[in-house]
């Protein structure tokens, strides 16, 4: 039984309306997400001690990748990058929560340690995590007075040091996925940027991307 053409047309109309509404909601979610990452570059035009640039290009409507950076105090710049498990609106919400925990817990610049900060963010996220979501995270804290830096990574690709001819990964440090379980320990690494060198942070959106020929 095929039903009347009228009924079929009505059903199609309803389905199109629903799809348009969902698409509209995803557009709104995407624009909220994009508004959560810093987009004005250079971000500190008067600070001549460093250059900084970042970009986020979501492959589909909306994902869980994000970056952030801020001056923890006058002399310390904290770089943050993360990738939330899953896709869609739940991932975007978890990303927003993660970002606000990082900012709130990092307010003490002078005694800030990337590994301790990651452990604290991990515990906060794991506390009421009924959805069993997690995030991979990387923090790099740069001392702008001498270029020294410390870093911690929780399940995230290690940043690369840019300088000379090669872009070598920073020495590996142990660190589990963030937000899955309380009481986790994160190792900390360190190094020093010479003038003209840089640190490149990225998510697996870069390393797992395929072109048309795979």
N, C-alpha and C. Protein backbone atom coordinates (compact mmCIF):
# COMPACT_ATOMS: atom_id res chain seq x y z
N UNK A 1 0.86 -1.18 0.00
CA UNK A 1 0.00 0.00 0.00
C UNK A 1 0.91 1.25 0.00
N UNK A 2 0.75 2.09 -0.99
CA UNK A 2 1.67 3.21 -1.13
C UNK A 2 1.14 4.49 -0.51
N UNK A 3 -0.07 4.46 -0.02
CA UNK A 3 -0.63 5.69 0.57
C UNK A 3 -0.93 6.69 -0.53
N UNK A 4 -1.60 7.75 -0.18
CA UNK A 4 -1.93 8.75 -1.18
C UNK A 4 -0.73 9.65 -1.41
N UNK A 5 -0.58 10.14 -2.64
CA UNK A 5 0.51 11.07 -2.94
C UNK A 5 0.52 12.25 -1.96
N UNK A 6 -0.68 12.71 -1.61
CA UNK A 6 -0.79 13.84 -0.68
C UNK A 6 -0.05 13.53 0.63
N UNK A 7 -0.36 12.34 1.19
CA UNK A 7 0.23 11.95 2.48
C UNK A 7 1.75 11.88 2.37
N UNK A 8 2.21 11.27 1.28
CA UNK A 8 3.66 11.15 1.07
C UNK A 8 4.28 12.53 1.01
N UNK A 9 3.62 13.44 0.29
CA UNK A 9 4.15 14.80 0.17
C UNK A 9 4.22 15.47 1.54
N UNK A 10 3.18 15.29 2.34
CA UNK A 10 3.17 15.88 3.68
C UNK A 10 4.33 15.32 4.52
N UNK A 11 4.52 14.00 4.46
CA UNK A 11 5.60 13.37 5.22
C UNK A 11 6.96 13.93 4.80
N UNK A 12 7.15 14.05 3.48
CA UNK A 12 8.41 14.60 2.98
C UNK A 12 8.62 16.01 3.49
N UNK A 13 7.55 16.80 3.44
CA UNK A 13 7.64 18.18 3.94
C UNK A 13 8.09 18.20 5.40
N UNK A 14 7.46 17.32 6.19
CA UNK A 14 7.81 17.26 7.62
C UNK A 14 9.27 16.87 7.79
N UNK A 15 9.70 15.86 7.01
CA UNK A 15 11.07 15.39 7.16
C UNK A 15 12.06 16.49 6.77
N UNK A 16 11.76 17.19 5.71
CA UNK A 16 12.64 18.29 5.28
C UNK A 16 12.70 19.37 6.37
N UNK A 17 11.55 19.66 6.96
CA UNK A 17 11.52 20.67 8.03
C UNK A 17 12.39 20.24 9.21
N UNK A 18 12.29 18.97 9.59
CA UNK A 18 13.08 18.45 10.71
C UNK A 18 14.57 18.55 10.38
N UNK A 19 14.93 18.12 9.16
CA UNK A 19 16.34 18.17 8.75
C UNK A 19 16.87 19.60 8.77
N UNK A 20 16.05 20.52 8.30
CA UNK A 20 16.48 21.92 8.27
C UNK A 20 16.70 22.44 9.69
N UNK A 21 15.81 21.99 10.61
CA UNK A 21 15.96 22.45 11.98
C UNK A 21 17.25 21.91 12.59
N UNK A 22 17.52 20.61 12.36
CA UNK A 22 18.75 20.01 12.89
C UNK A 22 19.96 20.70 12.30
N UNK A 23 19.93 20.95 11.00
CA UNK A 23 21.05 21.63 10.34
C UNK A 23 21.24 23.02 10.94
N UNK A 24 20.12 23.70 11.20
CA UNK A 24 20.19 25.02 11.82
C UNK A 24 20.80 24.97 13.20
N UNK A 25 20.42 23.95 13.98
CA UNK A 25 20.98 23.80 15.33
C UNK A 25 22.48 23.53 15.27
N UNK A 26 22.91 22.70 14.30
CA UNK A 26 24.34 22.42 14.16
C UNK A 26 25.11 23.67 13.74
N UNK A 27 24.48 24.48 12.88
CA UNK A 27 25.13 25.74 12.49
C UNK A 27 25.35 26.63 13.70
N UNK A 28 24.32 26.70 14.56
CA UNK A 28 24.43 27.52 15.77
C UNK A 28 25.53 26.95 16.67
N UNK A 29 25.52 25.61 16.84
CA UNK A 29 26.54 24.97 17.68
C UNK A 29 27.93 25.25 17.13
N UNK A 30 28.06 25.19 15.79
CA UNK A 30 29.36 25.44 15.18
C UNK A 30 29.82 26.87 15.44
N UNK A 31 28.90 27.81 15.31
CA UNK A 31 29.32 29.20 15.50
C UNK A 31 29.64 29.49 16.96
N UNK A 32 28.94 28.83 17.89
CA UNK A 32 29.29 28.98 19.30
C UNK A 32 30.68 28.41 19.54
N UNK A 33 30.92 27.22 18.96
CA UNK A 33 32.22 26.58 19.14
C UNK A 33 33.35 27.45 18.59
N UNK A 34 33.16 28.00 17.38
CA UNK A 34 34.19 28.83 16.79
C UNK A 34 34.41 30.10 17.60
N UNK A 35 33.37 30.54 18.28
CA UNK A 35 33.53 31.75 19.09
C UNK A 35 34.29 31.47 20.38
N UNK A 36 34.45 30.17 20.74
CA UNK A 36 35.18 29.82 21.96
C UNK A 36 36.69 29.80 21.74
N UNK A 37 37.13 29.73 20.48
CA UNK A 37 38.58 29.73 20.26
C UNK A 37 39.02 31.13 19.85
N UNK A 38 40.19 31.56 20.32
CA UNK A 38 40.67 32.90 19.98
C UNK A 38 40.86 33.02 18.46
N UNK A 39 40.37 34.11 17.89
CA UNK A 39 40.45 34.23 16.43
C UNK A 39 41.09 35.53 15.96
N UNK A 40 41.51 36.39 16.88
CA UNK A 40 42.15 37.64 16.47
C UNK A 40 43.66 37.47 16.51
N UNK A 41 44.31 37.63 15.36
CA UNK A 41 45.77 37.49 15.30
C UNK A 41 46.39 38.71 14.64
N UNK A 42 47.54 39.19 15.15
CA UNK A 42 48.23 38.70 16.35
C UNK A 42 47.44 39.04 17.62
N UNK A 43 47.42 38.11 18.59
CA UNK A 43 46.57 38.30 19.78
C UNK A 43 47.11 39.36 20.74
N UNK A 44 48.44 39.52 20.78
CA UNK A 44 49.04 40.50 21.69
C UNK A 44 49.96 41.40 20.85
N UNK A 45 49.37 42.30 20.06
CA UNK A 45 50.16 43.06 19.08
C UNK A 45 51.28 43.87 19.72
N UNK A 46 51.14 44.23 20.99
CA UNK A 46 52.17 45.08 21.61
C UNK A 46 53.30 44.26 22.23
N UNK A 47 53.12 42.93 22.31
CA UNK A 47 54.14 42.10 22.94
C UNK A 47 55.09 41.57 21.88
N UNK A 48 56.33 42.06 21.90
CA UNK A 48 57.30 41.71 20.85
C UNK A 48 58.07 40.44 21.17
N UNK A 49 57.76 39.79 22.31
CA UNK A 49 58.57 38.65 22.73
C UNK A 49 58.27 37.37 21.97
N UNK A 50 57.10 37.30 21.36
CA UNK A 50 56.73 36.05 20.67
C UNK A 50 55.71 36.33 19.58
N UNK A 51 55.63 35.39 18.64
CA UNK A 51 54.58 35.39 17.61
C UNK A 51 53.69 34.18 17.86
N UNK A 52 52.42 34.32 17.55
CA UNK A 52 51.47 33.25 17.83
C UNK A 52 50.40 33.23 16.76
N UNK A 53 50.12 32.05 16.23
CA UNK A 53 49.01 31.94 15.29
C UNK A 53 48.34 30.58 15.46
N UNK A 54 47.04 30.51 15.20
CA UNK A 54 46.33 29.24 15.32
C UNK A 54 45.17 29.21 14.34
N UNK A 55 44.74 28.02 13.96
CA UNK A 55 43.51 27.93 13.16
C UNK A 55 42.82 26.61 13.41
N UNK A 56 41.50 26.63 13.24
CA UNK A 56 40.65 25.47 13.45
C UNK A 56 39.71 25.38 12.26
N UNK A 57 39.77 24.26 11.54
CA UNK A 57 38.89 24.05 10.40
C UNK A 57 38.15 22.73 10.61
N UNK A 58 36.89 22.79 11.12
CA UNK A 58 36.17 21.54 11.37
C UNK A 58 35.88 20.82 10.06
N UNK A 59 36.13 19.50 10.03
CA UNK A 59 35.91 18.72 8.82
C UNK A 59 34.42 18.55 8.56
N UNK A 60 33.68 18.22 9.61
CA UNK A 60 32.23 18.08 9.44
C UNK A 60 31.56 19.23 10.16
N UNK A 61 30.26 19.06 10.44
CA UNK A 61 29.54 20.18 11.04
C UNK A 61 30.27 20.69 12.28
N UNK A 62 30.61 19.73 13.16
CA UNK A 62 31.09 20.16 14.46
C UNK A 62 31.88 19.03 15.09
N UNK A 63 33.00 19.37 15.69
CA UNK A 63 33.83 18.34 16.30
C UNK A 63 34.27 18.77 17.67
N UNK A 64 35.21 18.03 18.22
CA UNK A 64 35.65 18.32 19.58
C UNK A 64 37.04 18.89 19.68
N UNK A 65 37.62 19.31 18.55
CA UNK A 65 38.97 19.88 18.61
C UNK A 65 38.89 21.33 19.08
N UNK A 66 39.88 21.74 19.84
CA UNK A 66 39.94 23.15 20.23
C UNK A 66 41.36 23.54 20.61
N UNK A 67 41.60 24.83 20.60
CA UNK A 67 42.86 25.34 21.10
C UNK A 67 42.55 26.57 21.95
N UNK A 68 43.50 26.94 22.77
CA UNK A 68 43.35 28.16 23.55
C UNK A 68 44.75 28.60 23.96
N UNK A 69 44.88 29.83 24.35
CA UNK A 69 46.16 30.31 24.89
C UNK A 69 45.85 31.55 25.70
N UNK A 70 46.64 31.79 26.71
CA UNK A 70 46.48 33.02 27.48
C UNK A 70 47.72 33.26 28.31
N UNK A 71 47.91 34.50 28.69
CA UNK A 71 49.01 34.85 29.57
C UNK A 71 48.58 34.50 31.00
N UNK A 72 49.25 33.51 31.59
CA UNK A 72 48.92 33.11 32.95
C UNK A 72 49.35 34.21 33.93
N UNK A 73 50.45 34.87 33.62
CA UNK A 73 50.84 36.11 34.29
C UNK A 73 51.69 36.89 33.28
N UNK A 74 52.36 37.95 33.69
CA UNK A 74 53.06 38.79 32.73
C UNK A 74 54.13 38.05 31.94
N UNK A 75 54.69 36.98 32.52
CA UNK A 75 55.84 36.34 31.90
C UNK A 75 55.60 34.91 31.45
N UNK A 76 54.38 34.40 31.60
CA UNK A 76 54.12 33.01 31.26
C UNK A 76 52.94 32.88 30.31
N UNK A 77 53.21 32.28 29.16
CA UNK A 77 52.17 32.04 28.16
C UNK A 77 51.81 30.56 28.19
N UNK A 78 50.52 30.26 28.39
CA UNK A 78 50.08 28.87 28.39
C UNK A 78 49.40 28.55 27.06
N UNK A 79 49.91 27.54 26.38
CA UNK A 79 49.31 27.06 25.13
C UNK A 79 48.52 25.79 25.44
N UNK A 80 47.31 25.71 24.91
CA UNK A 80 46.42 24.59 25.20
C UNK A 80 45.87 24.05 23.89
N UNK A 81 45.91 22.73 23.72
CA UNK A 81 45.24 22.13 22.57
C UNK A 81 44.58 20.85 23.02
N UNK A 82 43.42 20.52 22.45
CA UNK A 82 42.71 19.33 22.89
C UNK A 82 41.82 18.76 21.81
N UNK A 83 41.42 17.52 22.02
CA UNK A 83 40.57 16.82 21.07
C UNK A 83 39.64 15.91 21.88
N UNK A 84 38.35 16.27 21.87
CA UNK A 84 37.36 15.51 22.65
C UNK A 84 36.90 14.29 21.87
N UNK A 85 36.71 13.17 22.59
CA UNK A 85 36.20 11.96 21.95
C UNK A 85 34.80 12.23 21.41
N UNK A 86 34.48 11.60 20.31
CA UNK A 86 33.14 11.73 19.77
C UNK A 86 32.99 12.97 18.92
N UNK A 87 31.78 13.13 18.39
CA UNK A 87 31.51 14.24 17.48
C UNK A 87 30.20 14.89 17.89
N UNK A 88 29.87 15.94 17.20
CA UNK A 88 28.56 16.54 17.38
C UNK A 88 28.45 17.37 18.64
N UNK A 89 27.22 17.61 19.04
CA UNK A 89 26.96 18.56 20.13
C UNK A 89 27.51 18.08 21.47
N UNK A 90 27.42 16.76 21.83
CA UNK A 90 28.02 16.33 23.10
C UNK A 90 29.51 16.65 23.18
N UNK A 91 30.23 16.42 22.08
CA UNK A 91 31.67 16.70 22.05
C UNK A 91 31.92 18.19 22.23
N UNK A 92 31.10 19.00 21.56
CA UNK A 92 31.27 20.45 21.65
C UNK A 92 31.02 20.95 23.07
N UNK A 93 30.03 20.38 23.74
CA UNK A 93 29.75 20.76 25.13
C UNK A 93 30.90 20.36 26.04
N UNK A 94 31.39 19.13 25.86
CA UNK A 94 32.49 18.63 26.69
C UNK A 94 33.74 19.50 26.47
N UNK A 95 33.92 19.89 25.22
CA UNK A 95 35.03 20.79 24.88
C UNK A 95 34.91 22.12 25.62
N UNK A 96 33.71 22.67 25.63
CA UNK A 96 33.51 23.97 26.29
C UNK A 96 33.76 23.87 27.80
N UNK A 97 33.31 22.76 28.39
CA UNK A 97 33.52 22.54 29.82
C UNK A 97 35.01 22.39 30.13
N UNK A 98 35.69 21.59 29.29
CA UNK A 98 37.14 21.39 29.47
C UNK A 98 37.87 22.72 29.44
N UNK A 99 37.53 23.52 28.43
CA UNK A 99 38.19 24.81 28.25
C UNK A 99 37.99 25.70 29.48
N UNK A 100 36.78 25.71 30.03
CA UNK A 100 36.57 26.60 31.18
C UNK A 100 37.27 26.08 32.43
N UNK A 101 37.37 24.75 32.63
CA UNK A 101 38.14 24.20 33.74
C UNK A 101 39.61 24.59 33.62
N UNK A 102 40.16 24.47 32.41
CA UNK A 102 41.58 24.82 32.21
C UNK A 102 41.81 26.26 32.62
N UNK A 103 40.94 27.15 32.13
CA UNK A 103 41.12 28.58 32.42
C UNK A 103 40.99 28.86 33.91
N UNK A 104 39.98 28.26 34.53
CA UNK A 104 39.74 28.51 35.95
C UNK A 104 40.89 27.99 36.81
N UNK A 105 41.40 26.80 36.47
CA UNK A 105 42.42 26.18 37.30
C UNK A 105 43.82 26.72 37.03
N UNK A 106 43.99 27.45 35.92
CA UNK A 106 45.32 27.93 35.55
C UNK A 106 45.57 29.37 35.99
N UNK A 107 44.73 29.87 36.87
CA UNK A 107 44.82 31.30 37.19
C UNK A 107 46.06 31.66 38.01
N UNK A 108 46.79 30.63 38.51
CA UNK A 108 47.94 30.91 39.36
C UNK A 108 49.23 30.74 38.56
N UNK A 109 49.58 31.77 37.77
CA UNK A 109 50.65 31.66 36.80
C UNK A 109 52.02 31.33 37.36
N UNK A 110 52.40 31.96 38.46
CA UNK A 110 53.76 31.81 38.98
C UNK A 110 54.10 30.39 39.40
N UNK A 111 53.11 29.68 39.96
CA UNK A 111 53.39 28.32 40.43
C UNK A 111 52.73 27.28 39.53
N UNK A 112 52.39 27.71 38.34
CA UNK A 112 51.67 26.83 37.43
C UNK A 112 52.59 25.74 36.89
N UNK A 113 52.14 24.51 36.96
CA UNK A 113 52.87 23.39 36.36
C UNK A 113 51.91 22.68 35.41
N UNK A 114 52.29 22.50 34.14
CA UNK A 114 51.40 21.84 33.18
C UNK A 114 50.92 20.47 33.67
N UNK A 115 51.81 19.69 34.29
CA UNK A 115 51.42 18.34 34.75
C UNK A 115 50.40 18.41 35.88
N UNK A 116 50.63 19.33 36.84
CA UNK A 116 49.68 19.46 37.95
C UNK A 116 48.34 20.01 37.47
N UNK A 117 48.42 20.94 36.52
CA UNK A 117 47.19 21.51 35.95
C UNK A 117 46.39 20.41 35.25
N UNK A 118 47.09 19.55 34.50
CA UNK A 118 46.39 18.49 33.79
C UNK A 118 45.75 17.51 34.76
N UNK A 119 46.45 17.19 35.85
CA UNK A 119 45.89 16.29 36.86
C UNK A 119 44.63 16.89 37.48
N UNK A 120 44.67 18.20 37.72
CA UNK A 120 43.51 18.88 38.32
C UNK A 120 42.33 18.92 37.34
N UNK A 121 42.60 19.23 36.08
CA UNK A 121 41.54 19.25 35.06
C UNK A 121 40.96 17.84 34.91
N UNK A 122 41.84 16.83 34.91
CA UNK A 122 41.40 15.44 34.81
C UNK A 122 40.41 15.09 35.93
N UNK A 123 40.76 15.46 37.15
CA UNK A 123 39.90 15.11 38.29
C UNK A 123 38.55 15.81 38.21
N UNK A 124 38.56 17.07 37.81
CA UNK A 124 37.30 17.81 37.70
C UNK A 124 36.40 17.19 36.63
N UNK A 125 37.00 16.84 35.49
CA UNK A 125 36.20 16.27 34.40
C UNK A 125 35.69 14.88 34.75
N UNK A 126 36.51 14.10 35.48
CA UNK A 126 36.14 12.71 35.78
C UNK A 126 35.06 12.64 36.86
N UNK A 127 34.96 13.70 37.66
CA UNK A 127 34.06 13.70 38.81
C UNK A 127 32.62 13.31 38.46
N UNK A 128 32.01 14.01 37.53
CA UNK A 128 30.60 13.74 37.20
C UNK A 128 30.46 13.31 35.75
N UNK A 129 31.38 12.47 35.30
CA UNK A 129 31.42 12.15 33.89
C UNK A 129 30.59 10.90 33.59
N UNK A 130 29.26 11.03 33.66
CA UNK A 130 28.40 9.88 33.42
C UNK A 130 28.42 9.45 31.97
N UNK A 131 28.74 10.37 31.07
CA UNK A 131 28.72 10.04 29.65
C UNK A 131 29.98 9.29 29.24
N UNK A 132 30.93 9.13 30.19
CA UNK A 132 32.19 8.43 29.90
C UNK A 132 32.93 9.04 28.72
N UNK A 133 32.90 10.36 28.62
CA UNK A 133 33.65 11.01 27.55
C UNK A 133 35.05 11.30 28.06
N UNK A 134 35.97 11.55 27.13
CA UNK A 134 37.31 11.92 27.53
C UNK A 134 37.87 12.89 26.51
N UNK A 135 39.02 13.44 26.83
CA UNK A 135 39.64 14.40 25.93
C UNK A 135 41.15 14.15 25.94
N UNK A 136 41.79 14.29 24.79
CA UNK A 136 43.25 14.31 24.79
C UNK A 136 43.65 15.78 24.89
N UNK A 137 44.71 16.06 25.67
CA UNK A 137 45.08 17.45 25.93
C UNK A 137 46.59 17.60 25.89
N UNK A 138 47.03 18.77 25.53
CA UNK A 138 48.43 19.10 25.66
C UNK A 138 48.56 20.54 26.14
N UNK A 139 49.40 20.74 27.16
CA UNK A 139 49.69 22.09 27.67
C UNK A 139 51.17 22.37 27.49
N UNK A 140 51.48 23.56 27.01
CA UNK A 140 52.88 24.01 26.98
C UNK A 140 52.92 25.37 27.67
N UNK A 141 53.74 25.47 28.71
CA UNK A 141 53.87 26.73 29.44
C UNK A 141 55.23 27.34 29.10
N UNK A 142 55.21 28.51 28.46
CA UNK A 142 56.45 29.14 28.02
C UNK A 142 56.78 30.33 28.92
N UNK A 143 58.02 30.33 29.43
CA UNK A 143 58.51 31.48 30.20
C UNK A 143 59.07 32.48 29.19
N UNK A 144 58.38 33.61 29.05
CA UNK A 144 58.74 34.56 27.99
C UNK A 144 60.02 35.33 28.29
N UNK A 145 60.53 35.17 29.50
CA UNK A 145 61.77 35.89 29.83
C UNK A 145 62.99 35.21 29.21
N UNK A 146 62.98 33.86 29.17
CA UNK A 146 64.17 33.19 28.65
C UNK A 146 63.86 32.08 27.64
N UNK A 147 62.58 31.92 27.28
CA UNK A 147 62.24 30.92 26.28
C UNK A 147 62.15 29.49 26.81
N UNK A 148 62.38 29.32 28.11
CA UNK A 148 62.27 27.96 28.65
C UNK A 148 60.78 27.57 28.70
N UNK A 149 60.51 26.28 28.58
CA UNK A 149 59.11 25.85 28.60
C UNK A 149 58.99 24.50 29.27
N UNK A 150 57.81 24.22 29.79
CA UNK A 150 57.50 22.90 30.33
C UNK A 150 56.19 22.44 29.70
N UNK A 151 55.98 21.13 29.63
CA UNK A 151 54.80 20.65 28.93
C UNK A 151 54.32 19.33 29.52
N UNK A 152 53.03 19.06 29.30
CA UNK A 152 52.42 17.78 29.68
C UNK A 152 51.44 17.41 28.59
N UNK A 153 51.30 16.11 28.35
CA UNK A 153 50.37 15.62 27.32
C UNK A 153 49.56 14.46 27.89
N UNK A 154 48.26 14.53 27.71
CA UNK A 154 47.39 13.43 28.11
C UNK A 154 46.80 12.78 26.87
N UNK A 155 47.46 11.73 26.37
CA UNK A 155 46.95 11.00 25.22
C UNK A 155 46.97 11.77 23.92
N UNK A 156 47.68 12.88 23.88
CA UNK A 156 47.64 13.78 22.71
C UNK A 156 48.95 13.68 21.93
N UNK A 157 48.91 13.87 20.60
CA UNK A 157 50.17 13.88 19.83
C UNK A 157 51.14 14.92 20.40
N UNK A 158 52.40 14.55 20.50
CA UNK A 158 53.39 15.47 21.08
C UNK A 158 53.68 16.63 20.13
N UNK A 159 53.75 17.83 20.69
CA UNK A 159 54.07 18.99 19.85
C UNK A 159 55.45 18.82 19.22
N UNK A 160 55.71 19.61 18.19
CA UNK A 160 57.01 19.56 17.53
C UNK A 160 57.76 20.86 17.72
N UNK A 161 59.06 20.72 17.80
CA UNK A 161 59.93 21.88 17.93
C UNK A 161 60.34 22.32 16.53
N UNK A 162 60.02 23.55 16.18
CA UNK A 162 60.36 24.07 14.86
C UNK A 162 61.63 24.89 14.95
N UNK A 163 62.61 24.53 14.15
CA UNK A 163 63.87 25.27 14.14
C UNK A 163 64.84 24.49 13.30
N UNK A 164 65.75 25.14 12.62
CA UNK A 164 66.65 24.41 11.73
C UNK A 164 65.84 23.80 10.61
N UNK A 165 66.21 22.57 10.19
CA UNK A 165 65.56 21.97 9.02
C UNK A 165 64.41 21.06 9.40
N UNK A 166 64.46 20.48 10.61
CA UNK A 166 63.48 19.45 10.96
C UNK A 166 62.48 19.97 11.98
N UNK A 167 61.33 19.28 12.03
CA UNK A 167 60.34 19.57 13.08
C UNK A 167 60.26 18.33 13.96
N UNK A 168 61.08 18.30 14.99
CA UNK A 168 61.17 17.09 15.81
C UNK A 168 60.18 17.11 16.96
N UNK A 169 59.53 15.94 17.24
CA UNK A 169 58.59 15.91 18.37
C UNK A 169 59.33 16.18 19.68
N UNK A 170 58.66 16.83 20.61
CA UNK A 170 59.22 16.99 21.95
C UNK A 170 59.37 15.60 22.58
N UNK A 171 60.32 15.47 23.50
CA UNK A 171 60.55 14.18 24.15
C UNK A 171 59.25 13.68 24.77
N UNK A 172 58.92 12.39 24.55
CA UNK A 172 57.64 11.87 25.05
C UNK A 172 57.53 11.93 26.58
N UNK A 173 56.34 12.26 27.04
CA UNK A 173 56.05 12.22 28.48
C UNK A 173 54.80 11.36 28.66
N UNK A 174 54.75 10.61 29.75
CA UNK A 174 53.60 9.74 29.97
C UNK A 174 52.39 10.56 30.42
N UNK A 175 51.23 10.15 29.94
CA UNK A 175 50.00 10.82 30.37
C UNK A 175 48.81 10.14 29.74
N UNK A 176 47.84 9.69 30.55
CA UNK A 176 46.66 9.00 30.03
C UNK A 176 45.65 9.98 29.44
N UNK A 177 44.59 9.42 28.85
CA UNK A 177 43.46 10.24 28.39
C UNK A 177 42.92 11.03 29.57
N UNK A 178 42.42 12.22 29.31
CA UNK A 178 41.98 13.12 30.38
C UNK A 178 40.47 13.02 30.58
N UNK A 179 40.04 12.88 31.85
CA UNK A 179 38.63 12.90 32.17
C UNK A 179 38.00 11.53 32.34
N UNK A 180 38.76 10.48 32.02
CA UNK A 180 38.18 9.13 32.09
C UNK A 180 38.17 8.59 33.52
N UNK A 181 39.24 8.87 34.29
CA UNK A 181 39.36 8.33 35.64
C UNK A 181 40.08 9.31 36.55
N UNK A 182 39.60 9.40 37.78
CA UNK A 182 40.24 10.34 38.72
C UNK A 182 41.59 9.82 39.20
N UNK A 183 42.41 10.73 39.74
CA UNK A 183 43.66 10.35 40.39
C UNK A 183 44.76 9.93 39.44
N UNK A 184 44.76 10.46 38.22
CA UNK A 184 45.78 10.08 37.25
C UNK A 184 47.04 10.94 37.39
N UNK A 185 48.17 10.37 37.00
CA UNK A 185 49.45 11.08 37.09
C UNK A 185 49.95 11.43 35.69
N UNK A 186 50.44 12.64 35.54
CA UNK A 186 50.97 13.10 34.26
C UNK A 186 52.43 13.51 34.43
N UNK A 187 53.27 13.04 33.52
CA UNK A 187 54.67 13.41 33.53
C UNK A 187 54.83 14.80 32.93
N UNK A 188 55.96 15.42 33.21
CA UNK A 188 56.22 16.74 32.65
C UNK A 188 57.58 16.74 31.95
N UNK A 189 57.63 17.38 30.81
CA UNK A 189 58.89 17.53 30.09
C UNK A 189 59.24 19.01 30.03
N UNK A 190 60.40 19.29 29.50
CA UNK A 190 60.80 20.69 29.41
C UNK A 190 61.82 20.91 28.31
N UNK A 191 62.09 22.16 28.03
CA UNK A 191 63.07 22.51 27.01
C UNK A 191 63.24 24.01 27.00
N UNK A 192 63.94 24.46 25.98
CA UNK A 192 64.14 25.90 25.89
C UNK A 192 64.14 26.35 24.44
N UNK A 193 63.34 27.33 24.14
CA UNK A 193 63.27 27.87 22.78
C UNK A 193 64.38 28.89 22.59
N UNK A 194 65.18 28.69 21.55
CA UNK A 194 66.14 29.73 21.19
C UNK A 194 65.42 30.73 20.29
N UNK A 195 66.00 31.88 20.13
CA UNK A 195 65.37 32.90 19.28
C UNK A 195 65.14 32.33 17.89
N UNK A 196 63.95 32.56 17.35
CA UNK A 196 63.63 32.07 16.01
C UNK A 196 63.04 30.67 15.99
N UNK A 197 63.10 29.95 17.09
CA UNK A 197 62.49 28.62 17.14
C UNK A 197 61.02 28.73 17.54
N UNK A 198 60.28 27.66 17.26
CA UNK A 198 58.87 27.68 17.61
C UNK A 198 58.39 26.33 18.07
N UNK A 199 57.18 26.31 18.61
CA UNK A 199 56.53 25.05 18.98
C UNK A 199 55.25 24.93 18.16
N UNK A 200 55.07 23.77 17.55
CA UNK A 200 53.91 23.51 16.71
C UNK A 200 53.01 22.49 17.41
N UNK A 201 51.81 22.91 17.79
CA UNK A 201 50.84 22.01 18.41
C UNK A 201 49.76 21.68 17.41
N UNK A 202 49.29 20.43 17.43
CA UNK A 202 48.28 20.02 16.45
C UNK A 202 47.44 18.89 17.04
N UNK A 203 46.33 18.58 16.38
CA UNK A 203 45.53 17.42 16.78
C UNK A 203 45.65 16.36 15.69
N UNK A 204 45.10 15.17 15.96
CA UNK A 204 45.21 14.11 14.97
C UNK A 204 44.33 14.38 13.75
N UNK A 205 43.59 15.48 13.77
CA UNK A 205 42.90 15.92 12.56
C UNK A 205 43.90 16.19 11.45
N UNK A 206 45.12 16.57 11.83
CA UNK A 206 46.18 16.81 10.84
C UNK A 206 46.80 15.49 10.40
N UNK A 207 47.20 14.66 11.37
CA UNK A 207 47.96 13.46 11.03
C UNK A 207 47.08 12.34 10.49
N UNK A 208 45.77 12.38 10.74
CA UNK A 208 44.89 11.31 10.24
C UNK A 208 44.08 11.73 9.04
N UNK A 209 44.36 12.91 8.51
CA UNK A 209 43.60 13.37 7.36
C UNK A 209 44.06 12.66 6.09
N UNK A 210 43.10 12.34 5.19
CA UNK A 210 43.41 11.71 3.93
C UNK A 210 43.09 12.67 2.79
N UNK A 211 43.87 12.57 1.71
CA UNK A 211 43.46 13.29 0.51
C UNK A 211 42.64 12.33 -0.35
N UNK A 212 42.31 12.74 -1.58
CA UNK A 212 41.42 11.90 -2.41
C UNK A 212 42.06 10.55 -2.73
N UNK A 213 43.39 10.49 -2.77
CA UNK A 213 44.06 9.22 -3.04
C UNK A 213 44.36 8.44 -1.75
N UNK A 214 43.77 8.87 -0.65
CA UNK A 214 44.02 8.30 0.67
C UNK A 214 45.49 8.44 1.05
